[in-house]
Amino acid sequence: MIFTIGLILIIAGWIVQLYRTLAKKDLQFNLVFLSLYVAGCFLLAIATFMQKDVISATLQLICTILPLIVLAAVIRLKKGA
């Protein structure tokens, strides 16, 4: 169940980003997209840890940390603008 929710959050994030990119011609990362993506990856990591799949869980955590760094940078840059 956690795995499915994580995937749904990632898909929702991509839908938001796709809409912003195609419909609004906005090429910047959307905070909603990044937030949903980070939350989804985190839930995938939890689900894989619960299944005792340490390698996949570690990779999912890396997939959580990298966009989290981007999210922090985007927030910091928006505050500075």
PDB file of N, CA and C in Angstrom:
ATOM      1  N   MET A   1       0.827  -1.200   0.000  1.00  0.00           N
ATOM      2  CA  MET A   1       0.000   0.000   0.000  1.00  0.00           C
ATOM      3  C   MET A   1       0.869   1.260   0.000  1.00  0.00           C
ATOM      4  N   ILE A   2       1.909   1.285   0.842  1.00  0.00           N
ATOM      5  CA  ILE A   2       2.796   2.452   0.892  1.00  0.00           C
ATOM      6  C   ILE A   2       3.473   2.646  -0.459  1.00  0.00           C
ATOM      7  N   PHE A   3       3.890   1.544  -1.067  1.00  0.00           N
ATOM      8  CA  PHE A   3       4.541   1.597  -2.370  1.00  0.00           C
ATOM      9  C   PHE A   3       3.611   2.221  -3.410  1.00  0.00           C
ATOM     10  N   THR A   4       2.354   1.807  -3.413  1.00  0.00           N
ATOM     11  CA  THR A   4       1.365   2.327  -4.364  1.00  0.00           C
ATOM     12  C   THR A   4       1.122   3.812  -4.150  1.00  0.00           C
ATOM     13  N   ILE A   5       1.001   4.238  -2.906  1.00  0.00           N
ATOM     14  CA  ILE A   5       0.801   5.661  -2.605  1.00  0.00           C
ATOM     15  C   ILE A   5       2.005   6.464  -3.079  1.00  0.00           C
ATOM     16  N   GLY A   6       3.198   5.930  -2.855  1.00  0.00           N
ATOM     17  CA  GLY A   6       4.408   6.605  -3.323  1.00  0.00           C
ATOM     18  C   GLY A   6       4.404   6.796  -4.825  1.00  0.00           C
ATOM     19  N   LEU A   7       4.042   5.749  -5.551  1.00  0.00           N
ATOM     20  CA  LEU A   7       3.978   5.856  -7.012  1.00  0.00           C
ATOM     21  C   LEU A   7       2.915   6.852  -7.460  1.00  0.00           C
ATOM     22  N   ILE A   8       1.771   6.868  -6.774  1.00  0.00           N
ATOM     23  CA  ILE A   8       0.708   7.823  -7.109  1.00  0.00           C
ATOM     24  C   ILE A   8       1.198   9.254  -6.907  1.00  0.00           C
ATOM     25  N   LEU A   9       1.929   9.513  -5.820  1.00  0.00           N
ATOM     26  CA  LEU A   9       2.469  10.856  -5.576  1.00  0.00           C
ATOM     27  C   LEU A   9       3.461  11.262  -6.661  1.00  0.00           C
ATOM     28  N   ILE A  10       4.307  10.333  -7.069  1.00  0.00           N
ATOM     29  CA  ILE A  10       5.271  10.637  -8.130  1.00  0.00           C
ATOM     30  C   ILE A  10       4.546  10.947  -9.439  1.00  0.00           C
ATOM     31  N   ILE A  11       3.543  10.151  -9.783  1.00  0.00           N
ATOM     32  CA  ILE A  11       2.767  10.392 -11.003  1.00  0.00           C
ATOM     33  C   ILE A  11       2.042  11.732 -10.921  1.00  0.00           C
ATOM     34  N   ALA A  12       1.448  12.041  -9.773  1.00  0.00           N
ATOM     35  CA  ALA A  12       0.753  13.324  -9.600  1.00  0.00           C
ATOM     36  C   ALA A  12       1.726  14.486  -9.777  1.00  0.00           C
ATOM     37  N   GLY A  13       2.908  14.345  -9.223  1.00  0.00           N
ATOM     38  CA  GLY A  13       3.917  15.391  -9.384  1.00  0.00           C
ATOM     39  C   GLY A  13       4.282  15.611 -10.839  1.00  0.00           C
ATOM     40  N   TRP A  14       4.470  14.517 -11.567  1.00  0.00           N
ATOM     41  CA  TRP A  14       4.799  14.641 -12.981  1.00  0.00           C
ATOM     42  C   TRP A  14       3.648  15.245 -13.780  1.00  0.00           C
ATOM     43  N   ILE A  15       2.412  14.952 -13.417  1.00  0.00           N
ATOM     44  CA  ILE A  15       1.263  15.553 -14.100  1.00  0.00           C
ATOM     45  C   ILE A  15       1.248  17.061 -13.883  1.00  0.00           C
ATOM     46  N   VAL A  16       1.504  17.488 -12.650  1.00  0.00           N
ATOM     47  CA  VAL A  16       1.569  18.925 -12.348  1.00  0.00           C
ATOM     48  C   VAL A  16       2.675  19.582 -13.171  1.00  0.00           C
ATOM     49  N   GLN A  17       3.853  18.965 -13.189  1.00  0.00           N
ATOM     50  CA  GLN A  17       4.977  19.541 -13.931  1.00  0.00           C
ATOM     51  C   GLN A  17       4.696  19.562 -15.427  1.00  0.00           C
ATOM     52  N   LEU A  18       4.091  18.507 -15.949  1.00  0.00           N
ATOM     53  CA  LEU A  18       3.757  18.444 -17.367  1.00  0.00           C
ATOM     54  C   LEU A  18       2.767  19.541 -17.744  1.00  0.00           C
ATOM     55  N   TYR A  19       1.752  19.750 -16.915  1.00  0.00           N
ATOM     56  CA  TYR A  19       0.773  20.809 -17.165  1.00  0.00           C
ATOM     57  C   TYR A  19       1.453  22.175 -17.181  1.00  0.00           C
ATOM     58  N   ARG A  20       2.292  22.423 -16.170  1.00  0.00           N
ATOM     59  CA  ARG A  20       2.969  23.725 -16.096  1.00  0.00           C
ATOM     60  C   ARG A  20       3.887  23.940 -17.295  1.00  0.00           C
ATOM     61  N   THR A  21       4.527  22.882 -17.748  1.00  0.00           N
ATOM     62  CA  THR A  21       5.464  23.006 -18.864  1.00  0.00           C
ATOM     63  C   THR A  21       4.734  23.185 -20.190  1.00  0.00           C
ATOM     64  N   LEU A  22       3.731  22.357 -20.449  1.00  0.00           N
ATOM     65  CA  LEU A  22       3.064  22.395 -21.750  1.00  0.00           C
ATOM     66  C   LEU A  22       1.994  23.476 -21.846  1.00  0.00           C
ATOM     67  N   ALA A  23       1.140  23.580 -20.850  1.00  0.00           N
ATOM     68  CA  ALA A  23       0.018  24.520 -20.927  1.00  0.00           C
ATOM     69  C   ALA A  23       0.443  25.951 -20.612  1.00  0.00           C
ATOM     70  N   LYS A  24       1.303  26.104 -19.632  1.00  0.00           N
ATOM     71  CA  LYS A  24       1.687  27.448 -19.209  1.00  0.00           C
ATOM     72  C   LYS A  24       3.046  27.880 -19.749  1.00  0.00           C
ATOM     73  N   LYS A  25       3.719  26.991 -20.467  1.00  0.00           N
ATOM     74  CA  LYS A  25       5.042  27.274 -21.045  1.00  0.00           C
ATOM     75  C   LYS A  25       6.051  27.696 -19.977  1.00  0.00           C
ATOM     76  N   ASP A  26       5.891  27.161 -18.781  1.00  0.00           N
ATOM     77  CA  ASP A  26       6.783  27.461 -17.660  1.00  0.00           C
ATOM     78  C   ASP A  26       7.842  26.366 -17.593  1.00  0.00           C
ATOM     79  N   LEU A  27       9.090  26.718 -17.846  1.00  0.00           N
ATOM     80  CA  LEU A  27      10.163  25.733 -17.903  1.00  0.00           C
ATOM     81  C   LEU A  27      10.883  25.544 -16.573  1.00  0.00           C
ATOM     82  N   GLN A  28      10.452  26.239 -15.536  1.00  0.00           N
ATOM     83  CA  GLN A  28      11.094  26.105 -14.230  1.00  0.00           C
ATOM     84  C   GLN A  28      10.487  24.934 -13.462  1.00  0.00           C
ATOM     85  N   PHE A  29      11.288  24.397 -12.512  1.00  0.00           N
ATOM     86  CA  PHE A  29      10.767  23.349 -11.639  1.00  0.00           C
ATOM     87  C   PHE A  29       9.669  23.920 -10.759  1.00  0.00           C
ATOM     88  N   ASN A  30       8.613  23.174 -10.623  1.00  0.00           N
ATOM     89  CA  ASN A  30       7.486  23.565  -9.793  1.00  0.00           C
ATOM     90  C   ASN A  30       7.686  22.988  -8.395  1.00  0.00           C
ATOM     91  N   LEU A  31       7.439  23.800  -7.365  1.00  0.00           N
ATOM     92  CA  LEU A  31       7.602  23.338  -5.987  1.00  0.00           C
ATOM     93  C   LEU A  31       6.654  22.195  -5.654  1.00  0.00           C
ATOM     94  N   VAL A  32       5.443  22.224  -6.211  1.00  0.00           N
ATOM     95  CA  VAL A  32       4.481  21.145  -5.967  1.00  0.00           C
ATOM     96  C   VAL A  32       5.019  19.839  -6.550  1.00  0.00           C
ATOM     97  N   PHE A  33       5.544  19.905  -7.772  1.00  0.00           N
ATOM     98  CA  PHE A  33       6.126  18.719  -8.402  1.00  0.00           C
ATOM     99  C   PHE A  33       7.245  18.148  -7.544  1.00  0.00           C
ATOM    100  N   LEU A  34       8.185  19.007  -7.160  1.00  0.00           N
ATOM    101  CA  LEU A  34       9.321  18.527  -6.373  1.00  0.00           C
ATOM    102  C   LEU A  34       8.876  17.950  -5.038  1.00  0.00           C
ATOM    103  N   SER A  35       7.908  18.597  -4.395  1.00  0.00           N
ATOM    104  CA  SER A  35       7.424  18.107  -3.100  1.00  0.00           C
ATOM    105  C   SER A  35       6.758  16.741  -3.232  1.00  0.00           C
ATOM    106  N   LEU A  36       5.893  16.588  -4.238  1.00  0.00           N
ATOM    107  CA  LEU A  36       5.230  15.299  -4.458  1.00  0.00           C
ATOM    108  C   LEU A  36       6.236  14.219  -4.831  1.00  0.00           C
ATOM    109  N   TYR A  37       7.207  14.584  -5.642  1.00  0.00           N
ATOM    110  CA  TYR A  37       8.224  13.619  -6.065  1.00  0.00           C
ATOM    111  C   TYR A  37       9.054  13.141  -4.874  1.00  0.00           C
ATOM    112  N   VAL A  38       9.480  14.075  -4.026  1.00  0.00           N
ATOM    113  CA  VAL A  38      10.260  13.713  -2.833  1.00  0.00           C
ATOM    114  C   VAL A  38       9.428  12.824  -1.913  1.00  0.00           C
ATOM    115  N   ALA A  39       8.174  13.203  -1.668  1.00  0.00           N
ATOM    116  CA  ALA A  39       7.309  12.404  -0.790  1.00  0.00           C
ATOM    117  C   ALA A  39       7.094  11.005  -1.368  1.00  0.00           C
ATOM    118  N   GLY A  40       6.873  10.925  -2.671  1.00  0.00           N
ATOM    119  CA  GLY A  40       6.672   9.630  -3.313  1.00  0.00           C
ATOM    120  C   GLY A  40       7.903   8.745  -3.216  1.00  0.00           C
ATOM    121  N   CYS A  41       9.067   9.305  -3.487  1.00  0.00           N
ATOM    122  CA  CYS A  41      10.310   8.527  -3.387  1.00  0.00           C
ATOM    123  C   CYS A  41      10.558   8.067  -1.960  1.00  0.00           C
ATOM    124  N   PHE A  42      10.247   8.922  -0.998  1.00  0.00           N
ATOM    125  CA  PHE A  42      10.433   8.555   0.408  1.00  0.00           C
ATOM    126  C   PHE A  42       9.534   7.372   0.777  1.00  0.00           C
ATOM    127  N   LEU A  43       8.282   7.411   0.323  1.00  0.00           N
ATOM    128  CA  LEU A  43       7.373   6.295   0.598  1.00  0.00           C
ATOM    129  C   LEU A  43       7.832   5.010  -0.094  1.00  0.00           C
ATOM    130  N   LEU A  44       8.375   5.137  -1.297  1.00  0.00           N
ATOM    131  CA  LEU A  44       8.919   3.959  -1.965  1.00  0.00           C
ATOM    132  C   LEU A  44      10.089   3.382  -1.168  1.00  0.00           C
ATOM    133  N   ALA A  45      10.924   4.254  -0.622  1.00  0.00           N
ATOM    134  CA  ALA A  45      12.051   3.788   0.190  1.00  0.00           C
ATOM    135  C   ALA A  45      11.558   3.057   1.432  1.00  0.00           C
ATOM    136  N   ILE A  46      10.548   3.609   2.093  1.00  0.00           N
ATOM    137  CA  ILE A  46       9.989   2.954   3.283  1.00  0.00           C
ATOM    138  C   ILE A  46       9.435   1.577   2.912  1.00  0.00           C
ATOM    139  N   ALA A  47       8.685   1.522   1.812  1.00  0.00           N
ATOM    140  CA  ALA A  47       8.085   0.250   1.391  1.00  0.00           C
ATOM    141  C   ALA A  47       9.154  -0.795   1.089  1.00  0.00           C
ATOM    142  N   THR A  48      10.228  -0.382   0.424  1.00  0.00           N
ATOM    143  CA  THR A  48      11.263  -1.362   0.098  1.00  0.00           C
ATOM    144  C   THR A  48      12.068  -1.765   1.327  1.00  0.00           C
ATOM    145  N   PHE A  49      12.245  -0.849   2.282  1.00  0.00           N
ATOM    146  CA  PHE A  49      12.884  -1.236   3.547  1.00  0.00           C
ATOM    147  C   PHE A  49      12.016  -2.254   4.285  1.00  0.00           C
ATOM    148  N   MET A  50      10.703  -2.047   4.262  1.00  0.00           N
ATOM    149  CA  MET A  50       9.792  -2.978   4.932  1.00  0.00           C
ATOM    150  C   MET A  50       9.828  -4.362   4.276  1.00  0.00           C
ATOM    151  N   GLN A  51      10.151  -4.396   2.991  1.00  0.00           N
ATOM    152  CA  GLN A  51      10.264  -5.674   2.285  1.00  0.00           C
ATOM    153  C   GLN A  51      11.669  -6.256   2.414  1.00  0.00           C
ATOM    154  N   LYS A  52      12.504  -5.592   3.191  1.00  0.00           N
ATOM    155  CA  LYS A  52      13.884  -6.024   3.449  1.00  0.00           C
ATOM    156  C   LYS A  52      14.743  -6.039   2.183  1.00  0.00           C
ATOM    157  N   ASP A  53      14.420  -5.145   1.265  1.00  0.00           N
ATOM    158  CA  ASP A  53      15.207  -4.993   0.036  1.00  0.00           C
ATOM    159  C   ASP A  53      16.110  -3.773   0.211  1.00  0.00           C
ATOM    160  N   VAL A  54      17.245  -3.991   0.847  1.00  0.00           N
ATOM    161  CA  VAL A  54      18.120  -2.893   1.252  1.00  0.00           C
ATOM    162  C   VAL A  54      18.704  -2.154   0.049  1.00  0.00           C
ATOM    163  N   ILE A  55      19.065  -2.864  -0.992  1.00  0.00           N
ATOM    164  CA  ILE A  55      19.666  -2.204  -2.154  1.00  0.00           C
ATOM    165  C   ILE A  55      18.662  -1.265  -2.815  1.00  0.00           C
ATOM    166  N   SER A  56      17.458  -1.741  -3.073  1.00  0.00           N
ATOM    167  CA  SER A  56      16.428  -0.884  -3.677  1.00  0.00           C
ATOM    168  C   SER A  56      16.066   0.271  -2.757  1.00  0.00           C
ATOM    169  N   ALA A  57      15.983   0.011  -1.468  1.00  0.00           N
ATOM    170  CA  ALA A  57      15.651   1.066  -0.509  1.00  0.00           C
ATOM    171  C   ALA A  57      16.730   2.138  -0.496  1.00  0.00           C
ATOM    172  N   THR A  58      17.982   1.730  -0.548  1.00  0.00           N
ATOM    173  CA  THR A  58      19.080   2.696  -0.576  1.00  0.00           C
ATOM    174  C   THR A  58      19.017   3.540  -1.842  1.00  0.00           C
ATOM    175  N   LEU A  59      18.757   2.908  -2.965  1.00  0.00           N
ATOM    176  CA  LEU A  59      18.617   3.657  -4.217  1.00  0.00           C
ATOM    177  C   LEU A  59      17.430   4.616  -4.157  1.00  0.00           C
ATOM    178  N   GLN A  60      16.333   4.182  -3.542  1.00  0.00           N
ATOM    179  CA  GLN A  60      15.169   5.064  -3.389  1.00  0.00           C
ATOM    180  C   GLN A  60      15.503   6.254  -2.488  1.00  0.00           C
ATOM    181  N   LEU A  61      16.283   6.016  -1.448  1.00  0.00           N
ATOM    182  CA  LEU A  61      16.690   7.128  -0.583  1.00  0.00           C
ATOM    183  C   LEU A  61      17.552   8.126  -1.347  1.00  0.00           C
ATOM    184  N   ILE A  62      18.427   7.632  -2.201  1.00  0.00           N
ATOM    185  CA  ILE A  62      19.221   8.533  -3.039  1.00  0.00           C
ATOM    186  C   ILE A  62      18.301   9.324  -3.960  1.00  0.00           C
ATOM    187  N   CYS A  63      17.288   8.640  -4.513  1.00  0.00           N
ATOM    188  CA  CYS A  63      16.299   9.316  -5.364  1.00  0.00           C
ATOM    189  C   CYS A  63      15.451  10.303  -4.573  1.00  0.00           C
ATOM    190  N   THR A  64      15.422  10.185  -3.268  1.00  0.00           N
ATOM    191  CA  THR A  64      14.722  11.142  -2.413  1.00  0.00           C
ATOM    192  C   THR A  64      15.618  12.329  -2.104  1.00  0.00           C
ATOM    193  N   ILE A  65      16.868  12.063  -1.803  1.00  0.00           N
ATOM    194  CA  ILE A  65      17.797  13.112  -1.380  1.00  0.00           C
ATOM    195  C   ILE A  65      18.125  14.076  -2.514  1.00  0.00           C
ATOM    196  N   LEU A  66      18.351  13.566  -3.717  1.00  0.00           N
ATOM    197  CA  LEU A  66      18.738  14.436  -4.825  1.00  0.00           C
ATOM    198  C   LEU A  66      17.676  15.489  -5.157  1.00  0.00           C
ATOM    199  N   PRO A  67      16.402  15.124  -5.355  1.00  0.00           N
ATOM    200  CA  PRO A  67      15.421  16.183  -5.608  1.00  0.00           C
ATOM    201  C   PRO A  67      15.153  17.045  -4.371  1.00  0.00           C
ATOM    202  N   LEU A  68      15.418  16.509  -3.182  1.00  0.00           N
ATOM    203  CA  LEU A  68      15.285  17.316  -1.968  1.00  0.00           C
ATOM    204  C   LEU A  68      16.307  18.447  -1.980  1.00  0.00           C
ATOM    205  N   ILE A  69      17.508  18.164  -2.466  1.00  0.00           N
ATOM    206  CA  ILE A  69      18.533  19.202  -2.612  1.00  0.00           C
ATOM    207  C   ILE A  69      18.080  20.245  -3.628  1.00  0.00           C
ATOM    208  N   VAL A  70      17.509  19.784  -4.747  1.00  0.00           N
ATOM    209  CA  VAL A  70      16.994  20.712  -5.759  1.00  0.00           C
ATOM    210  C   VAL A  70      15.863  21.553  -5.177  1.00  0.00           C
ATOM    211  N   LEU A  71      14.959  20.930  -4.415  1.00  0.00           N
ATOM    212  CA  LEU A  71      13.852  21.649  -3.786  1.00  0.00           C
ATOM    213  C   LEU A  71      14.376  22.733  -2.853  1.00  0.00           C
ATOM    214  N   ALA A  72      15.363  22.402  -2.037  1.00  0.00           N
ATOM    215  CA  ALA A  72      15.946  23.389  -1.118  1.00  0.00           C
ATOM    216  C   ALA A  72      16.582  24.537  -1.898  1.00  0.00           C
ATOM    217  N   ALA A  73      17.263  24.227  -2.992  1.00  0.00           N
ATOM    218  CA  ALA A  73      17.887  25.270  -3.805  1.00  0.00           C
ATOM    219  C   ALA A  73      16.840  26.169  -4.455  1.00  0.00           C
ATOM    220  N   VAL A  74      15.761  25.577  -4.964  1.00  0.00           N
ATOM    221  CA  VAL A  74      14.700  26.371  -5.596  1.00  0.00           C
ATOM    222  C   VAL A  74      14.055  27.298  -4.573  1.00  0.00           C
ATOM    223  N   ILE A  75      13.775  26.789  -3.386  1.00  0.00           N
ATOM    224  CA  ILE A  75      13.177  27.622  -2.335  1.00  0.00           C
ATOM    225  C   ILE A  75      14.125  28.752  -1.959  1.00  0.00           C
ATOM    226  N   ARG A  76      15.400  28.422  -1.798  1.00  0.00           N
ATOM    227  CA  ARG A  76      16.385  29.444  -1.429  1.00  0.00           C
ATOM    228  C   ARG A  76      16.492  30.511  -2.515  1.00  0.00           C
ATOM    229  N   LEU A  77      16.520  30.100  -3.780  1.00  0.00           N
ATOM    230  CA  LEU A  77      16.624  31.056  -4.879  1.00  0.00           C
ATOM    231  C   LEU A  77      15.370  31.910  -5.004  1.00  0.00           C
ATOM    232  N   LYS A  78      14.191  31.328  -4.744  1.00  0.00           N
ATOM    233  CA  LYS A  78      12.949  32.111  -4.807  1.00  0.00           C
ATOM    234  C   LYS A  78      12.903  33.156  -3.698  1.00  0.00           C
ATOM    235  N   LYS A  79      13.429  32.810  -2.527  1.00  0.00           N
ATOM    236  CA  LYS A  79      13.454  33.776  -1.428  1.00  0.00           C
ATOM    237  C   LYS A  79      14.420  34.910  -1.723  1.00  0.00           C
ATOM    238  N   GLY A  80      15.495  34.613  -2.456  1.00  0.00           N
ATOM    239  CA  GLY A  80      16.490  35.621  -2.793  1.00  0.00           C
ATOM    240  C   GLY A  80      16.064  36.521  -3.937  1.00  0.00           C
ATOM    241  N   ALA A  81      15.075  36.091  -4.708  1.00  0.00           N
ATOM    242  CA  ALA A  81      14.643  36.870  -5.886  1.00  0.00           C
ATOM    243  C   ALA A  81      13.733  38.004  -5.513  1.00  0.00           C
TER     244      ALA A  81
END
